[in-house]
Amino acid sequence: MLAEILLNGDVVESAGADNATATAAKAATQATRHFIGGIEAHYSATVSAIKTITVTRTVAGQSVTKTYKWDFAKGPFVHNFPLLIHGDYNTAVSVALDASGTGGILGQVAMWVASA
């Protein structure tokens, strides 16, 4: 017998961060596990540099990060996971984007999160 799970998804996005790390986070919720389906990161103007996008979650009680490097001279970073990734129950998940390196250029990051 297969168990069915109904996922209710939302986009969680950071505020624009002016030459600072932009972070989008889904807070821990009691008896709930958060599933990430994809991430997106961009800057308000062209950034001709390779920057880091980091997904953080807790798995088996340990903090786990998945790091991507992207050349933002090519445009925004968009990645859909072929399978949803998740953390433990009762833990937060987050994604962060490096600072732009230039004042006045805002970085913003988002993730699609479903919780069950």
PDB file of N, CA and C in Angstrom:
ATOM      1  N   MET A   1       0.840  -1.174   0.000  1.00  0.00           N
ATOM      2  CA  MET A   1       0.000   0.000   0.000  1.00  0.00           C
ATOM      3  C   MET A   1       0.887   1.240   0.000  1.00  0.00           C
ATOM      4  N   LEU A   2       0.588   2.165  -0.872  1.00  0.00           N
ATOM      5  CA  LEU A   2       1.354   3.406  -0.966  1.00  0.00           C
ATOM      6  C   LEU A   2       0.704   4.496  -0.135  1.00  0.00           C
ATOM      7  N   ALA A   3       1.521   5.257   0.552  1.00  0.00           N
ATOM      8  CA  ALA A   3       1.015   6.405   1.305  1.00  0.00           C
ATOM      9  C   ALA A   3       1.001   7.611   0.382  1.00  0.00           C
ATOM     10  N   GLU A   4      -0.026   8.418   0.455  1.00  0.00           N
ATOM     11  CA  GLU A   4      -0.109   9.626  -0.347  1.00  0.00           C
ATOM     12  C   GLU A   4       0.200  10.832   0.524  1.00  0.00           C
ATOM     13  N   ILE A   5       0.946  11.770  -0.056  1.00  0.00           N
ATOM     14  CA  ILE A   5       1.267  13.013   0.633  1.00  0.00           C
ATOM     15  C   ILE A   5       0.792  14.158  -0.241  1.00  0.00           C
ATOM     16  N   LEU A   6       0.038  15.058   0.327  1.00  0.00           N
ATOM     17  CA  LEU A   6      -0.412  16.246  -0.386  1.00  0.00           C
ATOM     18  C   LEU A   6       0.567  17.365  -0.082  1.00  0.00           C
ATOM     19  N   LEU A   7       1.203  17.898  -1.130  1.00  0.00           N
ATOM     20  CA  LEU A   7       2.168  18.972  -0.961  1.00  0.00           C
ATOM     21  C   LEU A   7       1.534  20.300  -1.316  1.00  0.00           C
ATOM     22  N   ASN A   8       1.720  21.268  -0.466  1.00  0.00           N
ATOM     23  CA  ASN A   8       1.209  22.609  -0.682  1.00  0.00           C
ATOM     24  C   ASN A   8       2.422  23.514  -0.851  1.00  0.00           C
ATOM     25  N   GLY A   9       2.673  24.004  -2.071  1.00  0.00           N
ATOM     26  CA  GLY A   9       3.899  24.732  -2.342  1.00  0.00           C
ATOM     27  C   GLY A   9       3.769  26.238  -2.322  1.00  0.00           C
ATOM     28  N   ASP A  10       4.867  26.884  -2.015  1.00  0.00           N
ATOM     29  CA  ASP A  10       4.979  28.339  -1.989  1.00  0.00           C
ATOM     30  C   ASP A  10       6.347  28.745  -2.505  1.00  0.00           C
ATOM     31  N   VAL A  11       6.421  29.943  -3.029  1.00  0.00           N
ATOM     32  CA  VAL A  11       7.721  30.523  -3.352  1.00  0.00           C
ATOM     33  C   VAL A  11       8.162  31.323  -2.134  1.00  0.00           C
ATOM     34  N   VAL A  12       9.366  31.046  -1.686  1.00  0.00           N
ATOM     35  CA  VAL A  12       9.953  31.784  -0.567  1.00  0.00           C
ATOM     36  C   VAL A  12      11.113  32.563  -1.147  1.00  0.00           C
ATOM     37  N   GLU A  13      11.067  33.895  -1.017  1.00  0.00           N
ATOM     38  CA  GLU A  13      12.136  34.699  -1.605  1.00  0.00           C
ATOM     39  C   GLU A  13      12.699  35.693  -0.612  1.00  0.00           C
ATOM     40  N   SER A  14      13.944  36.051  -0.852  1.00  0.00           N
ATOM     41  CA  SER A  14      14.620  37.027  -0.006  1.00  0.00           C
ATOM     42  C   SER A  14      14.203  38.431  -0.414  1.00  0.00           C
ATOM     43  N   ALA A  15      14.502  39.363   0.448  1.00  0.00           N
ATOM     44  CA  ALA A  15      14.416  40.772   0.072  1.00  0.00           C
ATOM     45  C   ALA A  15      15.653  41.058  -0.780  1.00  0.00           C
ATOM     46  N   GLY A  16      15.638  42.145  -1.524  1.00  0.00           N
ATOM     47  CA  GLY A  16      16.829  42.546  -2.262  1.00  0.00           C
ATOM     48  C   GLY A  16      17.923  42.934  -1.276  1.00  0.00           C
ATOM     49  N   ALA A  17      19.105  42.374  -1.441  1.00  0.00           N
ATOM     50  CA  ALA A  17      20.221  42.647  -0.525  1.00  0.00           C
ATOM     51  C   ALA A  17      21.266  43.482  -1.262  1.00  0.00           C
ATOM     52  N   ASP A  18      21.504  44.697  -0.773  1.00  0.00           N
ATOM     53  CA  ASP A  18      22.438  45.634  -1.394  1.00  0.00           C
ATOM     54  C   ASP A  18      23.870  45.275  -1.017  1.00  0.00           C
ATOM     55  N   ASN A  19      24.580  44.618  -1.944  1.00  0.00           N
ATOM     56  CA  ASN A  19      25.952  44.177  -1.727  1.00  0.00           C
ATOM     57  C   ASN A  19      26.105  43.419  -0.407  1.00  0.00           C
ATOM     58  N   ALA A  20      25.138  42.554  -0.127  1.00  0.00           N
ATOM     59  CA  ALA A  20      25.146  41.699   1.060  1.00  0.00           C
ATOM     60  C   ALA A  20      24.574  40.343   0.671  1.00  0.00           C
ATOM     61  N   THR A  21      24.778  39.346   1.506  1.00  0.00           N
ATOM     62  CA  THR A  21      24.231  38.019   1.227  1.00  0.00           C
ATOM     63  C   THR A  21      22.709  38.060   1.275  1.00  0.00           C
ATOM     64  N   ALA A  22      22.061  37.550   0.231  1.00  0.00           N
ATOM     65  CA  ALA A  22      20.599  37.455   0.187  1.00  0.00           C
ATOM     66  C   ALA A  22      20.222  36.041   0.630  1.00  0.00           C
ATOM     67  N   THR A  23      19.290  35.931   1.581  1.00  0.00           N
ATOM     68  CA  THR A  23      18.897  34.617   2.094  1.00  0.00           C
ATOM     69  C   THR A  23      17.384  34.490   2.121  1.00  0.00           C
ATOM     70  N   ALA A  24      16.895  33.386   1.560  1.00  0.00           N
ATOM     71  CA  ALA A  24      15.475  33.029   1.640  1.00  0.00           C
ATOM     72  C   ALA A  24      15.402  31.796   2.533  1.00  0.00           C
ATOM     73  N   ALA A  25      14.506  31.815   3.520  1.00  0.00           N
ATOM     74  CA  ALA A  25      14.421  30.699   4.466  1.00  0.00           C
ATOM     75  C   ALA A  25      12.971  30.344   4.755  1.00  0.00           C
ATOM     76  N   LYS A  26      12.727  29.063   4.903  1.00  0.00           N
ATOM     77  CA  LYS A  26      11.426  28.552   5.357  1.00  0.00           C
ATOM     78  C   LYS A  26      11.669  28.052   6.770  1.00  0.00           C
ATOM     79  N   ALA A  27      11.026  28.691   7.737  1.00  0.00           N
ATOM     80  CA  ALA A  27      11.248  28.387   9.145  1.00  0.00           C
ATOM     81  C   ALA A  27      10.795  26.974   9.503  1.00  0.00           C
ATOM     82  N   ALA A  28      11.409  26.439  10.520  1.00  0.00           N
ATOM     83  CA  ALA A  28      11.019  25.131  11.034  1.00  0.00           C
ATOM     84  C   ALA A  28       9.572  25.178  11.494  1.00  0.00           C
ATOM     85  N   THR A  29       8.841  24.107  11.234  1.00  0.00           N
ATOM     86  CA  THR A  29       7.446  23.976  11.644  1.00  0.00           C
ATOM     87  C   THR A  29       7.290  22.623  12.326  1.00  0.00           C
ATOM     88  N   GLN A  30       6.632  22.607  13.470  1.00  0.00           N
ATOM     89  CA  GLN A  30       6.464  21.377  14.231  1.00  0.00           C
ATOM     90  C   GLN A  30       5.811  20.277  13.395  1.00  0.00           C
ATOM     91  N   ALA A  31       6.386  19.080  13.431  1.00  0.00           N
ATOM     92  CA  ALA A  31       5.869  17.880  12.762  1.00  0.00           C
ATOM     93  C   ALA A  31       5.736  18.050  11.244  1.00  0.00           C
ATOM     94  N   THR A  32       6.591  18.903  10.646  1.00  0.00           N
ATOM     95  CA  THR A  32       6.528  19.180   9.209  1.00  0.00           C
ATOM     96  C   THR A  32       7.919  19.072   8.602  1.00  0.00           C
ATOM     97  N   ARG A  33       7.958  18.561   7.393  1.00  0.00           N
ATOM     98  CA  ARG A  33       9.193  18.484   6.622  1.00  0.00           C
ATOM     99  C   ARG A  33       9.023  19.375   5.399  1.00  0.00           C
ATOM    100  N   HIS A  34      10.054  20.176   5.079  1.00  0.00           N
ATOM    101  CA  HIS A  34      10.015  21.066   3.922  1.00  0.00           C
ATOM    102  C   HIS A  34      10.771  20.425   2.749  1.00  0.00           C
ATOM    103  N   PHE A  35      10.152  20.459   1.562  1.00  0.00           N
ATOM    104  CA  PHE A  35      10.724  19.905   0.339  1.00  0.00           C
ATOM    105  C   PHE A  35      11.037  21.058  -0.613  1.00  0.00           C
ATOM    106  N   ILE A  36      12.254  21.085  -1.170  1.00  0.00           N
ATOM    107  CA  ILE A  36      12.656  22.133  -2.109  1.00  0.00           C
ATOM    108  C   ILE A  36      12.617  21.558  -3.517  1.00  0.00           C
ATOM    109  N   GLY A  37      11.897  22.244  -4.405  1.00  0.00           N
ATOM    110  CA  GLY A  37      11.767  21.780  -5.782  1.00  0.00           C
ATOM    111  C   GLY A  37      12.658  22.509  -6.763  1.00  0.00           C
ATOM    112  N   GLY A  38      13.087  23.720  -6.408  1.00  0.00           N
ATOM    113  CA  GLY A  38      13.934  24.482  -7.310  1.00  0.00           C
ATOM    114  C   GLY A  38      14.387  25.778  -6.670  1.00  0.00           C
ATOM    115  N   ILE A  39      15.414  26.387  -7.269  1.00  0.00           N
ATOM    116  CA  ILE A  39      15.943  27.653  -6.754  1.00  0.00           C
ATOM    117  C   ILE A  39      16.221  28.600  -7.919  1.00  0.00           C
ATOM    118  N   GLU A  40      16.208  29.894  -7.607  1.00  0.00           N
ATOM    119  CA  GLU A  40      16.487  30.943  -8.602  1.00  0.00           C
ATOM    120  C   GLU A  40      17.248  32.049  -7.905  1.00  0.00           C
ATOM    121  N   ALA A  41      18.238  32.625  -8.591  1.00  0.00           N
ATOM    122  CA  ALA A  41      19.015  33.727  -8.026  1.00  0.00           C
ATOM    123  C   ALA A  41      19.347  34.724  -9.131  1.00  0.00           C
ATOM    124  N   HIS A  42      19.329  36.010  -8.779  1.00  0.00           N
ATOM    125  CA  HIS A  42      19.664  37.042  -9.765  1.00  0.00           C
ATOM    126  C   HIS A  42      20.112  38.321  -9.056  1.00  0.00           C
ATOM    127  N   TYR A  43      20.676  39.215  -9.843  1.00  0.00           N
ATOM    128  CA  TYR A  43      21.074  40.545  -9.361  1.00  0.00           C
ATOM    129  C   TYR A  43      20.300  41.599 -10.144  1.00  0.00           C
ATOM    130  N   SER A  44      20.197  42.793  -9.586  1.00  0.00           N
ATOM    131  CA  SER A  44      19.436  43.870 -10.220  1.00  0.00           C
ATOM    132  C   SER A  44      20.147  44.474 -11.423  1.00  0.00           C
ATOM    133  N   ALA A  45      21.420  44.180 -11.568  1.00  0.00           N
ATOM    134  CA  ALA A  45      22.212  44.645 -12.720  1.00  0.00           C
ATOM    135  C   ALA A  45      23.224  43.550 -13.040  1.00  0.00           C
ATOM    136  N   THR A  46      23.854  43.665 -14.184  1.00  0.00           N
ATOM    137  CA  THR A  46      24.824  42.645 -14.583  1.00  0.00           C
ATOM    138  C   THR A  46      25.987  42.588 -13.605  1.00  0.00           C
ATOM    139  N   VAL A  47      26.294  41.387 -13.168  1.00  0.00           N
ATOM    140  CA  VAL A  47      27.449  41.137 -12.307  1.00  0.00           C
ATOM    141  C   VAL A  47      28.357  40.202 -13.090  1.00  0.00           C
ATOM    142  N   SER A  48      29.522  40.707 -13.481  1.00  0.00           N
ATOM    143  CA  SER A  48      30.450  39.908 -14.293  1.00  0.00           C
ATOM    144  C   SER A  48      31.392  39.139 -13.391  1.00  0.00           C
ATOM    145  N   ALA A  49      30.825  38.183 -12.669  1.00  0.00           N
ATOM    146  CA  ALA A  49      31.635  37.402 -11.742  1.00  0.00           C
ATOM    147  C   ALA A  49      30.938  36.083 -11.440  1.00  0.00           C
ATOM    148  N   ILE A  50      31.730  35.111 -11.055  1.00  0.00           N
ATOM    149  CA  ILE A  50      31.179  33.842 -10.601  1.00  0.00           C
ATOM    150  C   ILE A  50      30.848  33.989  -9.129  1.00  0.00           C
ATOM    151  N   LYS A  51      29.620  33.691  -8.793  1.00  0.00           N
ATOM    152  CA  LYS A  51      29.136  33.816  -7.412  1.00  0.00           C
ATOM    153  C   LYS A  51      28.598  32.463  -6.942  1.00  0.00           C
ATOM    154  N   THR A  52      28.389  32.355  -5.645  1.00  0.00           N
ATOM    155  CA  THR A  52      27.963  31.098  -5.030  1.00  0.00           C
ATOM    156  C   THR A  52      26.522  31.176  -4.551  1.00  0.00           C
ATOM    157  N   ILE A  53      25.786  30.112  -4.819  1.00  0.00           N
ATOM    158  CA  ILE A  53      24.421  29.929  -4.307  1.00  0.00           C
ATOM    159  C   ILE A  53      24.491  28.686  -3.421  1.00  0.00           C
ATOM    160  N   THR A  54      24.000  28.786  -2.184  1.00  0.00           N
ATOM    161  CA  THR A  54      24.121  27.691  -1.227  1.00  0.00           C
ATOM    162  C   THR A  54      22.763  27.309  -0.661  1.00  0.00           C
ATOM    163  N   VAL A  55      22.405  26.037  -0.787  1.00  0.00           N
ATOM    164  CA  VAL A  55      21.184  25.491  -0.192  1.00  0.00           C
ATOM    165  C   VAL A  55      21.598  24.812   1.111  1.00  0.00           C
ATOM    166  N   THR A  56      20.901  25.117   2.202  1.00  0.00           N
ATOM    167  CA  THR A  56      21.225  24.535   3.506  1.00  0.00           C
ATOM    168  C   THR A  56      19.994  23.865   4.090  1.00  0.00           C
ATOM    169  N   ARG A  57      20.202  22.655   4.609  1.00  0.00           N
ATOM    170  CA  ARG A  57      19.131  21.903   5.253  1.00  0.00           C
ATOM    171  C   ARG A  57      19.756  20.986   6.285  1.00  0.00           C
ATOM    172  N   THR A  58      18.940  20.383   7.136  1.00  0.00           N
ATOM    173  CA  THR A  58      19.413  19.449   8.145  1.00  0.00           C
ATOM    174  C   THR A  58      18.948  18.054   7.764  1.00  0.00           C
ATOM    175  N   VAL A  59      19.900  17.123   7.677  1.00  0.00           N
ATOM    176  CA  VAL A  59      19.596  15.735   7.321  1.00  0.00           C
ATOM    177  C   VAL A  59      20.220  14.829   8.375  1.00  0.00           C
ATOM    178  N   ALA A  60      19.392  13.980   8.972  1.00  0.00           N
ATOM    179  CA  ALA A  60      19.843  13.060  10.029  1.00  0.00           C
ATOM    180  C   ALA A  60      20.571  13.824  11.138  1.00  0.00           C
ATOM    181  N   GLY A  61      20.052  15.016  11.444  1.00  0.00           N
ATOM    182  CA  GLY A  61      20.609  15.820  12.525  1.00  0.00           C
ATOM    183  C   GLY A  61      21.850  16.616  12.175  1.00  0.00           C
ATOM    184  N   GLN A  62      22.342  16.516  10.943  1.00  0.00           N
ATOM    185  CA  GLN A  62      23.548  17.227  10.522  1.00  0.00           C
ATOM    186  C   GLN A  62      23.214  18.299   9.491  1.00  0.00           C
ATOM    187  N   SER A  63      23.863  19.457   9.598  1.00  0.00           N
ATOM    188  CA  SER A  63      23.684  20.513   8.611  1.00  0.00           C
ATOM    189  C   SER A  63      24.348  20.080   7.308  1.00  0.00           C
ATOM    190  N   VAL A  64      23.592  20.157   6.201  1.00  0.00           N
ATOM    191  CA  VAL A  64      24.081  19.741   4.895  1.00  0.00           C
ATOM    192  C   VAL A  64      23.932  20.920   3.936  1.00  0.00           C
ATOM    193  N   THR A  65      24.980  21.198   3.174  1.00  0.00           N
ATOM    194  CA  THR A  65      24.904  22.272   2.182  1.00  0.00           C
ATOM    195  C   THR A  65      25.143  21.712   0.788  1.00  0.00           C
ATOM    196  N   LYS A  66      24.480  22.323  -0.164  1.00  0.00           N
ATOM    197  CA  LYS A  66      24.669  22.016  -1.579  1.00  0.00           C
ATOM    198  C   LYS A  66      25.047  23.353  -2.213  1.00  0.00           C
ATOM    199  N   THR A  67      26.218  23.415  -2.819  1.00  0.00           N
ATOM    200  CA  THR A  67      26.752  24.672  -3.310  1.00  0.00           C
ATOM    201  C   THR A  67      26.845  24.664  -4.840  1.00  0.00           C
ATOM    202  N   TYR A  68      26.414  25.767  -5.428  1.00  0.00           N
ATOM    203  CA  TYR A  68      26.486  25.963  -6.878  1.00  0.00           C
ATOM    204  C   TYR A  68      27.321  27.199  -7.150  1.00  0.00           C
ATOM    205  N   LYS A  69      28.136  27.165  -8.195  1.00  0.00           N
ATOM    206  CA  LYS A  69      28.884  28.331  -8.675  1.00  0.00           C
ATOM    207  C   LYS A  69      28.287  28.706 -10.023  1.00  0.00           C
ATOM    208  N   TRP A  70      28.026  30.004 -10.235  1.00  0.00           N
ATOM    209  CA  TRP A  70      27.399  30.444 -11.476  1.00  0.00           C
ATOM    210  C   TRP A  70      28.019  31.756 -11.930  1.00  0.00           C
ATOM    211  N   ASP A  71      28.244  31.849 -13.231  1.00  0.00           N
ATOM    212  CA  ASP A  71      28.753  33.075 -13.834  1.00  0.00           C
ATOM    213  C   ASP A  71      27.551  33.958 -14.170  1.00  0.00           C
ATOM    214  N   PHE A  72      27.302  34.963 -13.352  1.00  0.00           N
ATOM    215  CA  PHE A  72      26.132  35.815 -13.532  1.00  0.00           C
ATOM    216  C   PHE A  72      26.232  36.747 -14.734  1.00  0.00           C
ATOM    217  N   ALA A  73      27.377  36.769 -15.412  1.00  0.00           N
ATOM    218  CA  ALA A  73      27.459  37.488 -16.683  1.00  0.00           C
ATOM    219  C   ALA A  73      26.562  36.795 -17.716  1.00  0.00           C
ATOM    220  N   LYS A  74      26.221  35.526 -17.485  1.00  0.00           N
ATOM    221  CA  LYS A  74      25.357  34.759 -18.392  1.00  0.00           C
ATOM    222  C   LYS A  74      23.877  34.941 -18.069  1.00  0.00           C
ATOM    223  N   GLY A  75      23.565  35.668 -17.001  1.00  0.00           N
ATOM    224  CA  GLY A  75      22.177  35.885 -16.609  1.00  0.00           C
ATOM    225  C   GLY A  75      21.849  35.216 -15.295  1.00  0.00           C
ATOM    226  N   PRO A  76      20.558  35.163 -14.957  1.00  0.00           N
ATOM    227  CA  PRO A  76      20.152  34.590 -13.675  1.00  0.00           C
ATOM    228  C   PRO A  76      20.435  33.083 -13.597  1.00  0.00           C
ATOM    229  N   PHE A  77      20.521  32.598 -12.368  1.00  0.00           N
ATOM    230  CA  PHE A  77      20.695  31.167 -12.109  1.00  0.00           C
ATOM    231  C   PHE A  77      19.326  30.569 -11.802  1.00  0.00           C
ATOM    232  N   VAL A  78      18.962  29.506 -12.519  1.00  0.00           N
ATOM    233  CA  VAL A  78      17.703  28.801 -12.279  1.00  0.00           C
ATOM    234  C   VAL A  78      18.010  27.304 -12.272  1.00  0.00           C
ATOM    235  N   HIS A  79      17.580  26.622 -11.223  1.00  0.00           N
ATOM    236  CA  HIS A  79      17.812  25.175 -11.143  1.00  0.00           C
ATOM    237  C   HIS A  79      16.586  24.490 -10.548  1.00  0.00           C
ATOM    238  N   ASN A  80      16.036  23.540 -11.293  1.00  0.00           N
ATOM    239  CA  ASN A  80      14.955  22.699 -10.792  1.00  0.00           C
ATOM    240  C   ASN A  80      15.548  21.346 -10.439  1.00  0.00           C
ATOM    241  N   PHE A  81      15.284  20.859  -9.252  1.00  0.00           N
ATOM    242  CA  PHE A  81      15.792  19.562  -8.840  1.00  0.00           C
ATOM    243  C   PHE A  81      14.979  18.463  -9.520  1.00  0.00           C
ATOM    244  N   PRO A  82      15.634  17.429 -10.038  1.00  0.00           N
ATOM    245  CA  PRO A  82      14.886  16.348 -10.686  1.00  0.00           C
ATOM    246  C   PRO A  82      13.981  15.610  -9.695  1.00  0.00           C
ATOM    247  N   LEU A  83      14.394  15.573  -8.446  1.00  0.00           N
ATOM    248  CA  LEU A  83      13.583  15.044  -7.343  1.00  0.00           C
ATOM    249  C   LEU A  83      13.619  16.078  -6.237  1.00  0.00           C
ATOM    250  N   LEU A  84      12.547  16.197  -5.490  1.00  0.00           N
ATOM    251  CA  LEU A  84      12.527  17.148  -4.382  1.00  0.00           C
ATOM    252  C   LEU A  84      13.597  16.774  -3.361  1.00  0.00           C
ATOM    253  N   ILE A  85      14.293  17.783  -2.829  1.00  0.00           N
ATOM    254  CA  ILE A  85      15.222  17.527  -1.726  1.00  0.00           C
ATOM    255  C   ILE A  85      14.564  18.053  -0.462  1.00  0.00           C
ATOM    256  N   HIS A  86      14.939  17.514   0.672  1.00  0.00           N
ATOM    257  CA  HIS A  86      14.287  17.908   1.927  1.00  0.00           C
ATOM    258  C   HIS A  86      15.250  17.815   3.093  1.00  0.00           C
ATOM    259  N   GLY A  87      14.822  18.407   4.175  1.00  0.00           N
ATOM    260  CA  GLY A  87      15.541  18.283   5.433  1.00  0.00           C
ATOM    261  C   GLY A  87      14.740  17.406   6.370  1.00  0.00           C
ATOM    262  N   ASP A  88      15.180  17.345   7.608  1.00  0.00           N
ATOM    263  CA  ASP A  88      14.482  16.585   8.636  1.00  0.00           C
ATOM    264  C   ASP A  88      13.180  17.277   9.017  1.00  0.00           C
ATOM    265  N   TYR A  89      12.315  16.540   9.702  1.00  0.00           N
ATOM    266  CA  TYR A  89      11.127  17.149  10.298  1.00  0.00           C
ATOM    267  C   TYR A  89      11.579  18.193  11.312  1.00  0.00           C
ATOM    268  N   ASN A  90      10.767  19.227  11.496  1.00  0.00           N
ATOM    269  CA  ASN A  90      10.995  20.270  12.510  1.00  0.00           C
ATOM    270  C   ASN A  90      12.263  21.093  12.274  1.00  0.00           C
ATOM    271  N   THR A  91      12.713  21.198  11.020  1.00  0.00           N
ATOM    272  CA  THR A  91      13.908  21.996  10.727  1.00  0.00           C
ATOM    273  C   THR A  91      13.635  22.963   9.576  1.00  0.00           C
ATOM    274  N   ALA A  92      14.417  24.020   9.545  1.00  0.00           N
ATOM    275  CA  ALA A  92      14.310  25.030   8.487  1.00  0.00           C
ATOM    276  C   ALA A  92      15.117  24.602   7.268  1.00  0.00           C
ATOM    277  N   VAL A  93      14.791  25.194   6.117  1.00  0.00           N
ATOM    278  CA  VAL A  93      15.593  25.059   4.902  1.00  0.00           C
ATOM    279  C   VAL A  93      15.858  26.471   4.390  1.00  0.00           C
ATOM    280  N   SER A  94      16.994  26.660   3.716  1.00  0.00           N
ATOM    281  CA  SER A  94      17.292  28.003   3.216  1.00  0.00           C
ATOM    282  C   SER A  94      18.172  27.933   1.975  1.00  0.00           C
ATOM    283  N   VAL A  95      18.190  29.053   1.267  1.00  0.00           N
ATOM    284  CA  VAL A  95      19.088  29.225   0.121  1.00  0.00           C
ATOM    285  C   VAL A  95      19.667  30.633   0.219  1.00  0.00           C
ATOM    286  N   ALA A  96      20.966  30.762  -0.078  1.00  0.00           N
ATOM    287  CA  ALA A  96      21.645  32.055   0.039  1.00  0.00           C
ATOM    288  C   ALA A  96      22.437  32.355  -1.226  1.00  0.00           C
ATOM    289  N   LEU A  97      22.539  33.633  -1.544  1.00  0.00           N
ATOM    290  CA  LEU A  97      23.289  34.135  -2.696  1.00  0.00           C
ATOM    291  C   LEU A  97      24.350  35.104  -2.208  1.00  0.00           C
ATOM    292  N   ASP A  98      25.584  34.938  -2.716  1.00  0.00           N
ATOM    293  CA  ASP A  98      26.683  35.840  -2.363  1.00  0.00           C
ATOM    294  C   ASP A  98      26.334  37.298  -2.643  1.00  0.00           C
ATOM    295  N   ALA A  99      26.975  38.192  -1.914  1.00  0.00           N
ATOM    296  CA  ALA A  99      26.866  39.630  -2.177  1.00  0.00           C
ATOM    297  C   ALA A  99      27.363  39.927  -3.589  1.00  0.00           C
ATOM    298  N   SER A 100      26.811  40.974  -4.187  1.00  0.00           N
ATOM    299  CA  SER A 100      27.162  41.327  -5.572  1.00  0.00           C
ATOM    300  C   SER A 100      28.609  41.784  -5.724  1.00  0.00           C
ATOM    301  N   GLY A 101      29.158  42.392  -4.673  1.00  0.00           N
ATOM    302  CA  GLY A 101      30.511  42.934  -4.754  1.00  0.00           C
ATOM    303  C   GLY A 101      30.537  44.395  -5.142  1.00  0.00           C
ATOM    304  N   THR A 102      29.351  44.968  -5.426  1.00  0.00           N
ATOM    305  CA  THR A 102      29.243  46.378  -5.821  1.00  0.00           C
ATOM    306  C   THR A 102      28.052  47.008  -5.114  1.00  0.00           C
ATOM    307  N   GLY A 103      28.291  48.103  -4.424  1.00  0.00           N
ATOM    308  CA  GLY A 103      27.200  48.821  -3.767  1.00  0.00           C
ATOM    309  C   GLY A 103      26.152  49.263  -4.768  1.00  0.00           C
ATOM    310  N   GLY A 104      24.891  49.166  -4.393  1.00  0.00           N
ATOM    311  CA  GLY A 104      23.795  49.573  -5.265  1.00  0.00           C
ATOM    312  C   GLY A 104      23.265  48.452  -6.149  1.00  0.00           C
ATOM    313  N   ILE A 105      23.971  47.319  -6.212  1.00  0.00           N
ATOM    314  CA  ILE A 105      23.473  46.166  -6.976  1.00  0.00           C
ATOM    315  C   ILE A 105      22.875  45.176  -5.985  1.00  0.00           C
ATOM    316  N   LEU A 106      21.576  44.959  -6.139  1.00  0.00           N
ATOM    317  CA  LEU A 106      20.846  44.096  -5.215  1.00  0.00           C
ATOM    318  C   LEU A 106      20.853  42.650  -5.694  1.00  0.00           C
ATOM    319  N   GLY A 107      21.058  41.733  -4.779  1.00  0.00           N
ATOM    320  CA  GLY A 107      20.950  40.313  -5.059  1.00  0.00           C
ATOM    321  C   GLY A 107      19.645  39.802  -4.472  1.00  0.00           C
ATOM    322  N   GLN A 108      19.027  38.837  -5.136  1.00  0.00           N
ATOM    323  CA  GLN A 108      17.790  38.247  -4.628  1.00  0.00           C
ATOM    324  C   GLN A 108      17.787  36.764  -4.979  1.00  0.00           C
ATOM    325  N   VAL A 109      17.300  35.956  -4.046  1.00  0.00           N
ATOM    326  CA  VAL A 109      17.263  34.512  -4.227  1.00  0.00           C
ATOM    327  C   VAL A 109      15.883  33.998  -3.814  1.00  0.00           C
ATOM    328  N   ALA A 110      15.442  32.915  -4.454  1.00  0.00           N
ATOM    329  CA  ALA A 110      14.144  32.337  -4.146  1.00  0.00           C
ATOM    330  C   ALA A 110      14.211  30.823  -4.273  1.00  0.00           C
ATOM    331  N   MET A 111      13.275  30.149  -3.606  1.00  0.00           N
ATOM    332  CA  MET A 111      13.147  28.700  -3.739  1.00  0.00           C
ATOM    333  C   MET A 111      11.676  28.334  -3.709  1.00  0.00           C
ATOM    334  N   TRP A 112      11.361  27.247  -4.392  1.00  0.00           N
ATOM    335  CA  TRP A 112      10.002  26.708  -4.347  1.00  0.00           C
ATOM    336  C   TRP A 112      10.016  25.649  -3.270  1.00  0.00           C
ATOM    337  N   VAL A 113       9.119  25.809  -2.272  1.00  0.00           N
ATOM    338  CA  VAL A 113       9.095  24.911  -1.115  1.00  0.00           C
ATOM    339  C   VAL A 113       7.694  24.373  -0.930  1.00  0.00           C
ATOM    340  N   ALA A 114       7.594  23.063  -0.740  1.00  0.00           N
ATOM    341  CA  ALA A 114       6.347  22.404  -0.377  1.00  0.00           C
ATOM    342  C   ALA A 114       6.563  21.766   0.985  1.00  0.00           C
ATOM    343  N   SER A 115       5.545  21.795   1.825  1.00  0.00           N
ATOM    344  CA  SER A 115       5.667  21.275   3.175  1.00  0.00           C
ATOM    345  C   SER A 115       4.620  20.193   3.427  1.00  0.00           C
ATOM    346  N   ALA A 116       5.028  19.168   4.138  1.00  0.00           N
ATOM    347  CA  ALA A 116       4.091  18.085   4.476  1.00  0.00           C
ATOM    348  C   ALA A 116       4.466  17.494   5.819  1.00  0.00           C
TER     349      ALA A 116
END
